[in-house]
Amino acid sequence: MPVSPLVRAALTVSDLERSRDFYVNVLGLAEVFLDSSVEGGNMHALMGMPASTRTRICILKTPGTPAYGMVGLFELTDPVPPRLDFQGEGSLVGELCLVFYCPDLDAVMREVQARRLVVVAPPLPLEVRGRIKQREMTFRGPDGEKINLIEWDLARAAAGDRPERWPGEAPAVPRATATWPTPSRDRS
């Protein structure tokens, strides 16, 4: 049975205001699709929580875009769910990673460092099958969620020109001295 494009990723967060600040001010998901509180009903069942659970919700999206690919922030209390213990640099089987295009990884990296978030991989050119592609970085958000940013011009991506389909370039100089082009800035 077919499904729609991804509607949203739902993240359980420990502090709704802190997470909202991060997703709005660092990643630019500045349009609020829904900002609400829920008590009663059966949403707790969908979250795997007891009936006493209170839920605060903030669903964010990229301004001016259709309501798909959103990020839903869910703060649960009474009781507060346990935290994942893993906050490190590796990966876990079953772990979800949020992936976004971003025109300037260096600016995000400065924000990530200022907020003292865990950097899994700093901005680096992705090498696939001996070819150099776009720059990417991976870090952990405020509650340890893994986030991968792909440096790419947003207008190009919206027009269907996606880095996943770009074959990349053959390395022109030895890796130790190479500086690779940034597709969002150096390619037209």
N, C-alpha and C. Protein backbone atom coordinates (compact mmCIF):
# COMPACT_ATOMS: atom_id res chain seq x y z
N MET A 1 0.84 -1.19 0.00
CA MET A 1 0.00 0.00 0.00
C MET A 1 0.89 1.25 0.00
N PRO A 2 0.65 2.19 -0.89
CA PRO A 2 1.48 3.41 -0.95
C PRO A 2 1.17 4.35 0.21
N VAL A 3 2.16 5.16 0.56
CA VAL A 3 1.98 6.19 1.58
C VAL A 3 2.35 7.55 0.98
N SER A 4 2.00 8.60 1.70
CA SER A 4 2.32 9.96 1.27
C SER A 4 3.81 10.23 1.48
N PRO A 5 4.30 11.37 0.98
CA PRO A 5 5.64 11.79 1.40
C PRO A 5 5.65 11.94 2.93
N LEU A 6 6.83 11.92 3.52
CA LEU A 6 6.95 12.05 4.97
C LEU A 6 6.23 13.31 5.44
N VAL A 7 5.28 13.14 6.33
CA VAL A 7 4.54 14.28 6.87
C VAL A 7 5.40 15.03 7.87
N ARG A 8 5.93 14.30 8.86
CA ARG A 8 6.79 14.93 9.86
C ARG A 8 7.56 13.86 10.63
N ALA A 9 8.66 14.28 11.19
CA ALA A 9 9.37 13.49 12.18
C ALA A 9 8.89 14.00 13.54
N ALA A 10 8.52 13.10 14.41
CA ALA A 10 8.04 13.47 15.75
C ALA A 10 9.15 13.17 16.76
N LEU A 11 9.65 14.20 17.42
CA LEU A 11 10.73 14.06 18.38
C LEU A 11 10.21 14.29 19.79
N THR A 12 10.48 13.36 20.68
CA THR A 12 10.18 13.57 22.09
C THR A 12 11.34 14.39 22.65
N VAL A 13 11.03 15.55 23.23
CA VAL A 13 12.07 16.47 23.72
C VAL A 13 11.91 16.70 25.21
N SER A 14 13.00 17.08 25.86
CA SER A 14 12.97 17.32 27.30
C SER A 14 12.57 18.75 27.65
N ASP A 15 12.81 19.69 26.75
CA ASP A 15 12.52 21.10 26.99
C ASP A 15 12.01 21.71 25.68
N LEU A 16 10.71 21.91 25.58
CA LEU A 16 10.10 22.37 24.33
C LEU A 16 10.66 23.72 23.88
N GLU A 17 10.84 24.65 24.81
CA GLU A 17 11.34 25.97 24.43
C GLU A 17 12.76 25.89 23.89
N ARG A 18 13.63 25.12 24.54
CA ARG A 18 15.01 24.98 24.07
C ARG A 18 15.05 24.36 22.68
N SER A 19 14.26 23.30 22.47
CA SER A 19 14.25 22.64 21.16
C SER A 19 13.66 23.54 20.10
N ARG A 20 12.59 24.25 20.44
CA ARG A 20 11.98 25.17 19.47
C ARG A 20 12.99 26.25 19.06
N ASP A 21 13.70 26.81 20.03
CA ASP A 21 14.71 27.82 19.74
C ASP A 21 15.75 27.26 18.78
N PHE A 22 16.22 26.05 19.00
CA PHE A 22 17.22 25.43 18.14
C PHE A 22 16.68 25.24 16.72
N TYR A 23 15.52 24.63 16.56
CA TYR A 23 15.00 24.34 15.22
C TYR A 23 14.59 25.60 14.47
N VAL A 24 14.15 26.63 15.18
CA VAL A 24 13.80 27.90 14.53
C VAL A 24 15.06 28.71 14.20
N ASN A 25 15.93 28.91 15.18
CA ASN A 25 17.04 29.85 15.02
C ASN A 25 18.31 29.26 14.43
N VAL A 26 18.49 27.95 14.48
CA VAL A 26 19.68 27.35 13.87
C VAL A 26 19.32 26.73 12.51
N LEU A 27 18.21 26.00 12.44
CA LEU A 27 17.86 25.32 11.20
C LEU A 27 16.82 26.07 10.36
N GLY A 28 16.23 27.13 10.88
CA GLY A 28 15.34 27.97 10.08
C GLY A 28 13.94 27.41 9.87
N LEU A 29 13.52 26.46 10.69
CA LEU A 29 12.14 25.95 10.59
C LEU A 29 11.24 26.91 11.36
N ALA A 30 11.03 28.08 10.80
CA ALA A 30 10.45 29.20 11.53
C ALA A 30 8.93 29.30 11.44
N GLU A 31 8.30 28.52 10.58
CA GLU A 31 6.84 28.59 10.48
C GLU A 31 6.22 27.56 11.42
N VAL A 32 5.35 28.05 12.30
CA VAL A 32 4.68 27.17 13.25
C VAL A 32 3.41 26.62 12.60
N PHE A 33 3.37 25.33 12.41
CA PHE A 33 2.20 24.67 11.84
C PHE A 33 1.17 24.39 12.93
N LEU A 34 1.65 24.04 14.13
CA LEU A 34 0.76 23.76 15.27
C LEU A 34 1.52 24.03 16.56
N ASP A 35 0.87 24.71 17.50
CA ASP A 35 1.43 24.95 18.83
C ASP A 35 0.28 24.70 19.79
N SER A 36 0.36 23.62 20.57
CA SER A 36 -0.79 23.20 21.35
C SER A 36 -0.38 22.39 22.57
N SER A 37 -1.35 22.17 23.45
CA SER A 37 -1.21 21.26 24.59
C SER A 37 -2.34 20.25 24.52
N VAL A 38 -2.06 19.03 24.97
CA VAL A 38 -3.06 17.98 24.92
C VAL A 38 -3.14 17.30 26.28
N GLU A 39 -4.33 17.23 26.83
CA GLU A 39 -4.60 16.43 28.02
C GLU A 39 -5.87 15.66 27.73
N GLY A 40 -5.92 14.45 28.22
CA GLY A 40 -7.10 13.62 27.94
C GLY A 40 -7.01 13.04 26.54
N GLY A 41 -8.07 12.46 26.06
CA GLY A 41 -8.07 11.83 24.75
C GLY A 41 -7.19 10.58 24.77
N ASN A 42 -6.69 10.21 23.60
CA ASN A 42 -5.87 8.99 23.54
C ASN A 42 -4.51 9.18 22.86
N MET A 43 -4.06 10.43 22.75
CA MET A 43 -2.74 10.64 22.15
C MET A 43 -1.66 9.91 22.94
N HIS A 44 -1.84 9.80 24.24
CA HIS A 44 -0.85 9.10 25.06
C HIS A 44 -0.60 7.68 24.55
N ALA A 45 -1.65 7.04 24.05
CA ALA A 45 -1.51 5.66 23.54
C ALA A 45 -0.59 5.63 22.32
N LEU A 46 -0.71 6.62 21.44
CA LEU A 46 0.16 6.68 20.26
C LEU A 46 1.61 6.93 20.65
N MET A 47 1.83 7.55 21.79
CA MET A 47 3.18 7.84 22.27
C MET A 47 3.70 6.72 23.17
N GLY A 48 2.87 5.71 23.44
CA GLY A 48 3.29 4.62 24.31
C GLY A 48 3.40 5.05 25.76
N MET A 49 2.56 5.97 26.18
CA MET A 49 2.62 6.54 27.53
C MET A 49 1.31 6.27 28.26
N PRO A 50 1.28 6.40 29.61
CA PRO A 50 0.05 6.20 30.36
C PRO A 50 -0.96 7.33 30.15
N ALA A 51 -2.21 7.07 30.52
CA ALA A 51 -3.31 8.02 30.31
C ALA A 51 -3.10 9.35 31.05
N SER A 52 -2.28 9.37 32.08
CA SER A 52 -2.04 10.60 32.86
C SER A 52 -1.13 11.59 32.13
N THR A 53 -0.53 11.19 31.04
CA THR A 53 0.46 12.01 30.34
C THR A 53 -0.13 13.29 29.78
N ARG A 54 0.58 14.38 30.02
CA ARG A 54 0.26 15.66 29.38
C ARG A 54 1.28 15.91 28.29
N THR A 55 0.82 16.46 27.16
CA THR A 55 1.69 16.64 26.00
C THR A 55 1.62 18.09 25.53
N ARG A 56 2.79 18.69 25.36
CA ARG A 56 2.91 19.99 24.70
C ARG A 56 3.52 19.72 23.34
N ILE A 57 2.94 20.35 22.31
CA ILE A 57 3.33 20.08 20.93
C ILE A 57 3.67 21.38 20.22
N CYS A 58 4.74 21.33 19.44
CA CYS A 58 5.05 22.42 18.51
C CYS A 58 5.54 21.77 17.22
N ILE A 59 4.79 21.94 16.15
CA ILE A 59 5.18 21.39 14.85
C ILE A 59 5.68 22.55 13.99
N LEU A 60 6.92 22.41 13.51
CA LEU A 60 7.58 23.47 12.76
C LEU A 60 7.82 23.03 11.32
N LYS A 61 7.89 24.02 10.42
CA LYS A 61 8.17 23.72 9.02
C LYS A 61 8.94 24.87 8.39
N THR A 62 9.48 24.61 7.23
CA THR A 62 10.16 25.65 6.47
C THR A 62 9.10 26.64 5.98
N PRO A 63 9.31 27.93 6.19
CA PRO A 63 8.31 28.92 5.77
C PRO A 63 7.99 28.83 4.28
N GLY A 64 6.70 28.94 3.97
CA GLY A 64 6.25 29.00 2.59
C GLY A 64 6.27 27.69 1.83
N THR A 65 6.45 26.57 2.52
CA THR A 65 6.50 25.27 1.85
C THR A 65 5.27 24.46 2.22
N PRO A 66 4.95 23.43 1.43
CA PRO A 66 3.82 22.56 1.78
C PRO A 66 4.03 21.89 3.13
N ALA A 67 2.95 21.43 3.71
CA ALA A 67 2.99 20.82 5.05
C ALA A 67 3.46 19.37 5.00
N TYR A 68 4.66 19.17 4.50
CA TYR A 68 5.34 17.87 4.51
C TYR A 68 6.75 18.08 5.00
N GLY A 69 7.39 17.04 5.50
CA GLY A 69 8.77 17.15 5.95
C GLY A 69 8.93 18.05 7.16
N MET A 70 7.90 18.12 7.98
CA MET A 70 7.94 18.98 9.16
C MET A 70 8.65 18.27 10.31
N VAL A 71 8.95 19.03 11.37
CA VAL A 71 9.51 18.47 12.59
C VAL A 71 8.53 18.78 13.71
N GLY A 72 8.03 17.73 14.34
CA GLY A 72 7.12 17.87 15.48
C GLY A 72 7.88 17.67 16.77
N LEU A 73 7.80 18.64 17.67
CA LEU A 73 8.46 18.57 18.97
C LEU A 73 7.39 18.25 20.02
N PHE A 74 7.59 17.18 20.77
CA PHE A 74 6.60 16.71 21.74
C PHE A 74 7.26 16.64 23.12
N GLU A 75 6.80 17.48 24.04
CA GLU A 75 7.29 17.44 25.42
C GLU A 75 6.24 16.72 26.26
N LEU A 76 6.62 15.60 26.86
CA LEU A 76 5.71 14.77 27.64
C LEU A 76 6.02 14.90 29.13
N THR A 77 4.95 15.06 29.93
CA THR A 77 5.11 15.11 31.39
C THR A 77 4.02 14.28 32.04
N ASP A 78 4.24 13.99 33.30
CA ASP A 78 3.28 13.23 34.14
C ASP A 78 2.91 11.88 33.56
N PRO A 79 3.88 11.01 33.36
CA PRO A 79 5.29 11.08 33.73
C PRO A 79 6.15 11.57 32.58
N VAL A 80 7.38 11.93 32.93
CA VAL A 80 8.40 12.27 31.93
C VAL A 80 9.00 10.96 31.44
N PRO A 81 9.07 10.73 30.12
CA PRO A 81 9.66 9.48 29.64
C PRO A 81 11.17 9.44 29.92
N PRO A 82 11.75 8.25 29.97
CA PRO A 82 13.20 8.16 30.19
C PRO A 82 13.97 8.67 28.97
N ARG A 83 15.18 9.15 29.22
CA ARG A 83 16.05 9.63 28.14
C ARG A 83 16.79 8.45 27.53
N LEU A 84 17.13 8.58 26.25
CA LEU A 84 18.07 7.64 25.65
C LEU A 84 19.42 7.87 26.31
N ASP A 85 20.12 6.81 26.61
CA ASP A 85 21.42 6.96 27.26
C ASP A 85 22.51 7.37 26.30
N PHE A 86 22.38 7.04 25.04
CA PHE A 86 23.44 7.27 24.06
C PHE A 86 23.41 8.70 23.57
N GLN A 87 24.48 9.44 23.77
CA GLN A 87 24.61 10.82 23.28
C GLN A 87 25.92 11.00 22.52
N GLY A 88 26.54 9.91 22.10
CA GLY A 88 27.87 9.96 21.52
C GLY A 88 27.91 10.23 20.04
N GLU A 89 29.07 9.95 19.47
CA GLU A 89 29.35 10.26 18.08
C GLU A 89 28.99 9.14 17.12
N GLY A 90 28.73 7.93 17.58
CA GLY A 90 28.47 6.80 16.69
C GLY A 90 27.03 6.72 16.24
N SER A 91 26.64 5.51 15.84
CA SER A 91 25.27 5.26 15.40
C SER A 91 24.71 4.05 16.13
N LEU A 92 23.41 3.97 16.19
CA LEU A 92 22.71 2.83 16.77
C LEU A 92 21.78 2.23 15.73
N VAL A 93 21.64 0.94 15.73
CA VAL A 93 20.67 0.29 14.85
C VAL A 93 19.28 0.80 15.24
N GLY A 94 18.51 1.20 14.28
CA GLY A 94 17.17 1.73 14.53
C GLY A 94 17.12 3.22 14.81
N GLU A 95 18.28 3.85 14.90
CA GLU A 95 18.33 5.28 15.17
C GLU A 95 17.90 6.07 13.94
N LEU A 96 17.13 7.10 14.14
CA LEU A 96 16.68 7.98 13.08
C LEU A 96 17.63 9.15 12.94
N CYS A 97 17.87 9.58 11.72
CA CYS A 97 18.70 10.76 11.47
C CYS A 97 17.88 11.73 10.62
N LEU A 98 17.74 12.96 11.08
CA LEU A 98 17.05 13.99 10.30
C LEU A 98 18.03 14.56 9.29
N VAL A 99 17.64 14.65 8.04
CA VAL A 99 18.53 15.12 6.98
C VAL A 99 17.90 16.34 6.31
N PHE A 100 18.68 17.41 6.22
CA PHE A 100 18.21 18.65 5.61
C PHE A 100 19.28 19.16 4.64
N TYR A 101 18.85 19.91 3.61
CA TYR A 101 19.77 20.68 2.79
C TYR A 101 20.02 21.99 3.52
N CYS A 102 21.21 22.53 3.36
CA CYS A 102 21.59 23.77 4.05
C CYS A 102 22.60 24.51 3.18
N PRO A 103 22.41 25.80 2.94
CA PRO A 103 23.34 26.51 2.06
C PRO A 103 24.67 26.89 2.69
N ASP A 104 24.80 26.83 4.03
CA ASP A 104 26.04 27.29 4.67
C ASP A 104 26.35 26.47 5.91
N LEU A 105 27.13 25.41 5.75
CA LEU A 105 27.47 24.55 6.88
C LEU A 105 28.35 25.26 7.91
N ASP A 106 29.20 26.17 7.45
CA ASP A 106 30.10 26.84 8.38
C ASP A 106 29.32 27.67 9.41
N ALA A 107 28.27 28.35 8.97
CA ALA A 107 27.45 29.13 9.90
C ALA A 107 26.76 28.22 10.91
N VAL A 108 26.25 27.09 10.45
CA VAL A 108 25.59 26.15 11.37
C VAL A 108 26.62 25.57 12.34
N MET A 109 27.80 25.25 11.85
CA MET A 109 28.85 24.70 12.70
C MET A 109 29.18 25.66 13.84
N ARG A 110 29.24 26.95 13.54
CA ARG A 110 29.52 27.93 14.61
C ARG A 110 28.41 27.90 15.66
N GLU A 111 27.15 27.82 15.22
CA GLU A 111 26.02 27.75 16.16
C GLU A 111 26.05 26.46 16.98
N VAL A 112 26.34 25.35 16.33
CA VAL A 112 26.41 24.06 17.02
C VAL A 112 27.49 24.11 18.10
N GLN A 113 28.64 24.66 17.76
CA GLN A 113 29.72 24.77 18.74
C GLN A 113 29.36 25.73 19.87
N ALA A 114 28.71 26.86 19.55
CA ALA A 114 28.31 27.82 20.58
C ALA A 114 27.30 27.19 21.55
N ARG A 115 26.48 26.30 21.06
CA ARG A 115 25.48 25.63 21.91
C ARG A 115 26.05 24.37 22.57
N ARG A 116 27.31 24.07 22.30
CA ARG A 116 28.01 22.92 22.89
C ARG A 116 27.31 21.60 22.60
N LEU A 117 26.85 21.47 21.35
CA LEU A 117 26.23 20.22 20.91
C LEU A 117 27.32 19.26 20.45
N VAL A 118 27.02 17.97 20.43
CA VAL A 118 27.98 16.96 20.02
C VAL A 118 28.11 16.97 18.50
N VAL A 119 29.34 17.13 18.01
CA VAL A 119 29.62 17.08 16.58
C VAL A 119 30.06 15.66 16.25
N VAL A 120 29.28 14.98 15.41
CA VAL A 120 29.62 13.63 14.97
C VAL A 120 30.67 13.71 13.86
N ALA A 121 30.45 14.58 12.89
CA ALA A 121 31.40 14.81 11.80
C ALA A 121 31.32 16.28 11.41
N PRO A 122 32.43 17.02 11.46
CA PRO A 122 32.40 18.42 11.05
C PRO A 122 32.18 18.51 9.54
N PRO A 123 31.94 19.71 9.01
CA PRO A 123 31.76 19.83 7.56
C PRO A 123 32.94 19.23 6.81
N LEU A 124 32.62 18.33 5.88
CA LEU A 124 33.65 17.69 5.08
C LEU A 124 33.07 17.29 3.74
N PRO A 125 33.92 17.25 2.70
CA PRO A 125 33.43 16.82 1.39
C PRO A 125 33.15 15.32 1.42
N LEU A 126 31.99 14.94 0.99
CA LEU A 126 31.61 13.54 0.93
C LEU A 126 32.33 12.88 -0.23
N GLU A 127 32.98 11.76 0.03
CA GLU A 127 33.65 11.02 -1.03
C GLU A 127 32.90 9.71 -1.24
N VAL A 128 32.45 9.49 -2.47
CA VAL A 128 31.71 8.28 -2.82
C VAL A 128 32.33 7.70 -4.09
N ARG A 129 32.73 6.45 -4.04
CA ARG A 129 33.31 5.75 -5.19
C ARG A 129 34.44 6.55 -5.85
N GLY A 130 35.29 7.15 -5.00
CA GLY A 130 36.44 7.88 -5.51
C GLY A 130 36.14 9.25 -6.08
N ARG A 131 34.91 9.72 -5.92
CA ARG A 131 34.54 11.04 -6.43
C ARG A 131 34.17 11.94 -5.25
N ILE A 132 34.50 13.20 -5.38
CA ILE A 132 34.22 14.18 -4.35
C ILE A 132 32.86 14.83 -4.66
N LYS A 133 31.99 14.80 -3.67
CA LYS A 133 30.65 15.36 -3.85
C LYS A 133 30.50 16.58 -2.94
N GLN A 134 29.31 16.91 -2.56
CA GLN A 134 29.01 18.07 -1.72
C GLN A 134 29.56 17.88 -0.30
N ARG A 135 29.66 19.00 0.43
CA ARG A 135 30.05 18.93 1.83
C ARG A 135 28.84 18.53 2.67
N GLU A 136 29.13 17.80 3.75
CA GLU A 136 28.09 17.40 4.70
C GLU A 136 28.65 17.48 6.11
N MET A 137 27.77 17.53 7.08
CA MET A 137 28.15 17.47 8.48
C MET A 137 27.06 16.73 9.25
N THR A 138 27.43 16.16 10.38
CA THR A 138 26.46 15.48 11.23
C THR A 138 26.73 15.88 12.68
N PHE A 139 25.65 16.13 13.42
CA PHE A 139 25.77 16.50 14.83
C PHE A 139 24.52 16.02 15.56
N ARG A 140 24.53 16.17 16.86
CA ARG A 140 23.38 15.80 17.67
C ARG A 140 22.67 17.06 18.17
N GLY A 141 21.34 17.06 18.05
CA GLY A 141 20.53 18.19 18.49
C GLY A 141 20.43 18.26 20.01
N PRO A 142 19.57 19.15 20.52
CA PRO A 142 19.49 19.40 21.96
C PRO A 142 19.20 18.16 22.82
N ASP A 143 18.47 17.19 22.29
CA ASP A 143 18.16 15.98 23.05
C ASP A 143 18.87 14.75 22.50
N GLY A 144 19.95 14.97 21.76
CA GLY A 144 20.73 13.85 21.26
C GLY A 144 20.29 13.31 19.92
N GLU A 145 19.27 13.91 19.30
CA GLU A 145 18.82 13.45 17.99
C GLU A 145 19.90 13.72 16.95
N LYS A 146 20.09 12.77 16.04
CA LYS A 146 21.13 12.91 15.02
C LYS A 146 20.59 13.73 13.85
N ILE A 147 21.40 14.71 13.42
CA ILE A 147 21.02 15.61 12.33
C ILE A 147 22.16 15.65 11.32
N ASN A 148 21.85 15.40 10.05
CA ASN A 148 22.82 15.45 8.97
C ASN A 148 22.43 16.60 8.06
N LEU A 149 23.37 17.50 7.79
CA LEU A 149 23.13 18.61 6.87
C LEU A 149 23.96 18.41 5.61
N ILE A 150 23.32 18.60 4.47
CA ILE A 150 23.95 18.50 3.16
C ILE A 150 24.04 19.91 2.60
N GLU A 151 25.26 20.37 2.32
CA GLU A 151 25.43 21.74 1.81
C GLU A 151 25.02 21.77 0.34
N TRP A 152 23.93 22.50 0.07
CA TRP A 152 23.39 22.58 -1.28
C TRP A 152 22.49 23.80 -1.35
N ASP A 153 22.46 24.42 -2.49
CA ASP A 153 21.61 25.58 -2.70
C ASP A 153 20.13 25.17 -2.61
N LEU A 154 19.38 25.85 -1.77
CA LEU A 154 17.98 25.45 -1.53
C LEU A 154 17.10 25.64 -2.76
N ALA A 155 17.37 26.67 -3.55
CA ALA A 155 16.57 26.88 -4.76
C ALA A 155 16.83 25.76 -5.77
N ARG A 156 18.07 25.34 -5.88
CA ARG A 156 18.39 24.22 -6.78
C ARG A 156 17.68 22.95 -6.32
N ALA A 157 17.71 22.71 -5.02
CA ALA A 157 17.05 21.51 -4.50
C ALA A 157 15.55 21.57 -4.75
N ALA A 158 14.95 22.74 -4.53
CA ALA A 158 13.51 22.88 -4.75
C ALA A 158 13.15 22.68 -6.22
N ALA A 159 14.07 23.01 -7.11
CA ALA A 159 13.83 22.85 -8.55
C ALA A 159 14.11 21.42 -9.03
N GLY A 160 14.51 20.56 -8.11
CA GLY A 160 14.75 19.17 -8.47
C GLY A 160 16.20 18.80 -8.71
N ASP A 161 17.11 19.78 -8.62
CA ASP A 161 18.53 19.52 -8.79
C ASP A 161 19.09 19.13 -7.43
N ARG A 162 19.16 17.83 -7.19
CA ARG A 162 19.53 17.31 -5.87
C ARG A 162 20.94 16.75 -5.86
N PRO A 163 21.67 16.95 -4.77
CA PRO A 163 23.04 16.46 -4.70
C PRO A 163 23.15 14.93 -4.75
N GLU A 164 22.12 14.24 -4.36
CA GLU A 164 22.16 12.77 -4.41
C GLU A 164 22.32 12.27 -5.84
N ARG A 165 21.92 13.08 -6.80
CA ARG A 165 22.03 12.71 -8.22
C ARG A 165 23.26 13.31 -8.90
N TRP A 166 23.97 14.17 -8.21
CA TRP A 166 25.17 14.79 -8.75
C TRP A 166 26.30 13.77 -8.68
N PRO A 167 26.98 13.48 -9.79
CA PRO A 167 28.01 12.45 -9.76
C PRO A 167 29.27 12.84 -9.00
N GLY A 168 29.45 14.11 -8.73
CA GLY A 168 30.65 14.56 -8.05
C GLY A 168 31.77 14.81 -9.03
N GLU A 169 32.95 15.08 -8.50
CA GLU A 169 34.11 15.40 -9.32
C GLU A 169 35.28 14.52 -8.92
N ALA A 170 36.11 14.20 -9.88
CA ALA A 170 37.32 13.45 -9.59
C ALA A 170 38.28 14.35 -8.82
N PRO A 171 38.97 13.82 -7.81
CA PRO A 171 39.94 14.65 -7.09
C PRO A 171 41.01 15.17 -8.04
N ALA A 172 41.29 16.46 -7.99
CA ALA A 172 42.27 17.07 -8.88
C ALA A 172 43.65 17.14 -8.23
N VAL A 173 43.69 17.12 -6.90
CA VAL A 173 44.95 17.22 -6.17
C VAL A 173 44.96 16.15 -5.09
N PRO A 174 46.11 15.82 -4.55
CA PRO A 174 46.15 14.83 -3.47
C PRO A 174 45.27 15.26 -2.30
N ARG A 175 44.63 14.28 -1.67
CA ARG A 175 43.70 14.55 -0.58
C ARG A 175 44.29 15.41 0.53
N ALA A 176 45.54 15.26 0.86
CA ALA A 176 46.13 15.98 1.98
C ALA A 176 46.15 17.48 1.76
N THR A 177 46.14 17.94 0.50
CA THR A 177 46.21 19.38 0.22
C THR A 177 44.97 19.89 -0.49
N ALA A 178 43.98 19.05 -0.67
CA ALA A 178 42.82 19.44 -1.47
C ALA A 178 41.90 20.37 -0.70
N THR A 179 41.32 21.33 -1.42
CA THR A 179 40.19 22.10 -0.94
C THR A 179 39.12 21.95 -2.01
N TRP A 180 37.98 21.45 -1.63
CA TRP A 180 36.95 21.08 -2.60
C TRP A 180 35.93 22.18 -2.76
N PRO A 181 35.35 22.29 -3.92
CA PRO A 181 34.32 23.31 -4.16
C PRO A 181 33.09 23.03 -3.33
N THR A 182 32.42 24.08 -2.94
CA THR A 182 31.15 23.97 -2.25
C THR A 182 30.07 24.15 -3.30
N PRO A 183 29.27 23.10 -3.60
CA PRO A 183 28.31 23.18 -4.69
C PRO A 183 27.35 24.36 -4.59
N SER A 184 26.94 24.75 -3.38
CA SER A 184 25.99 25.84 -3.25
C SER A 184 26.63 27.20 -3.54
N ARG A 185 27.95 27.28 -3.48
CA ARG A 185 28.61 28.57 -3.69
C ARG A 185 29.42 28.62 -4.97
N ASP A 186 30.08 27.51 -5.34
CA ASP A 186 31.04 27.53 -6.43
C ASP A 186 30.50 27.00 -7.76
N ARG A 187 29.34 26.35 -7.75
CA ARG A 187 28.79 25.80 -8.99
C ARG A 187 27.57 26.61 -9.38
N SER A 188 27.36 26.77 -10.66
CA SER A 188 26.18 27.51 -11.11
C SER A 188 25.17 26.57 -11.67
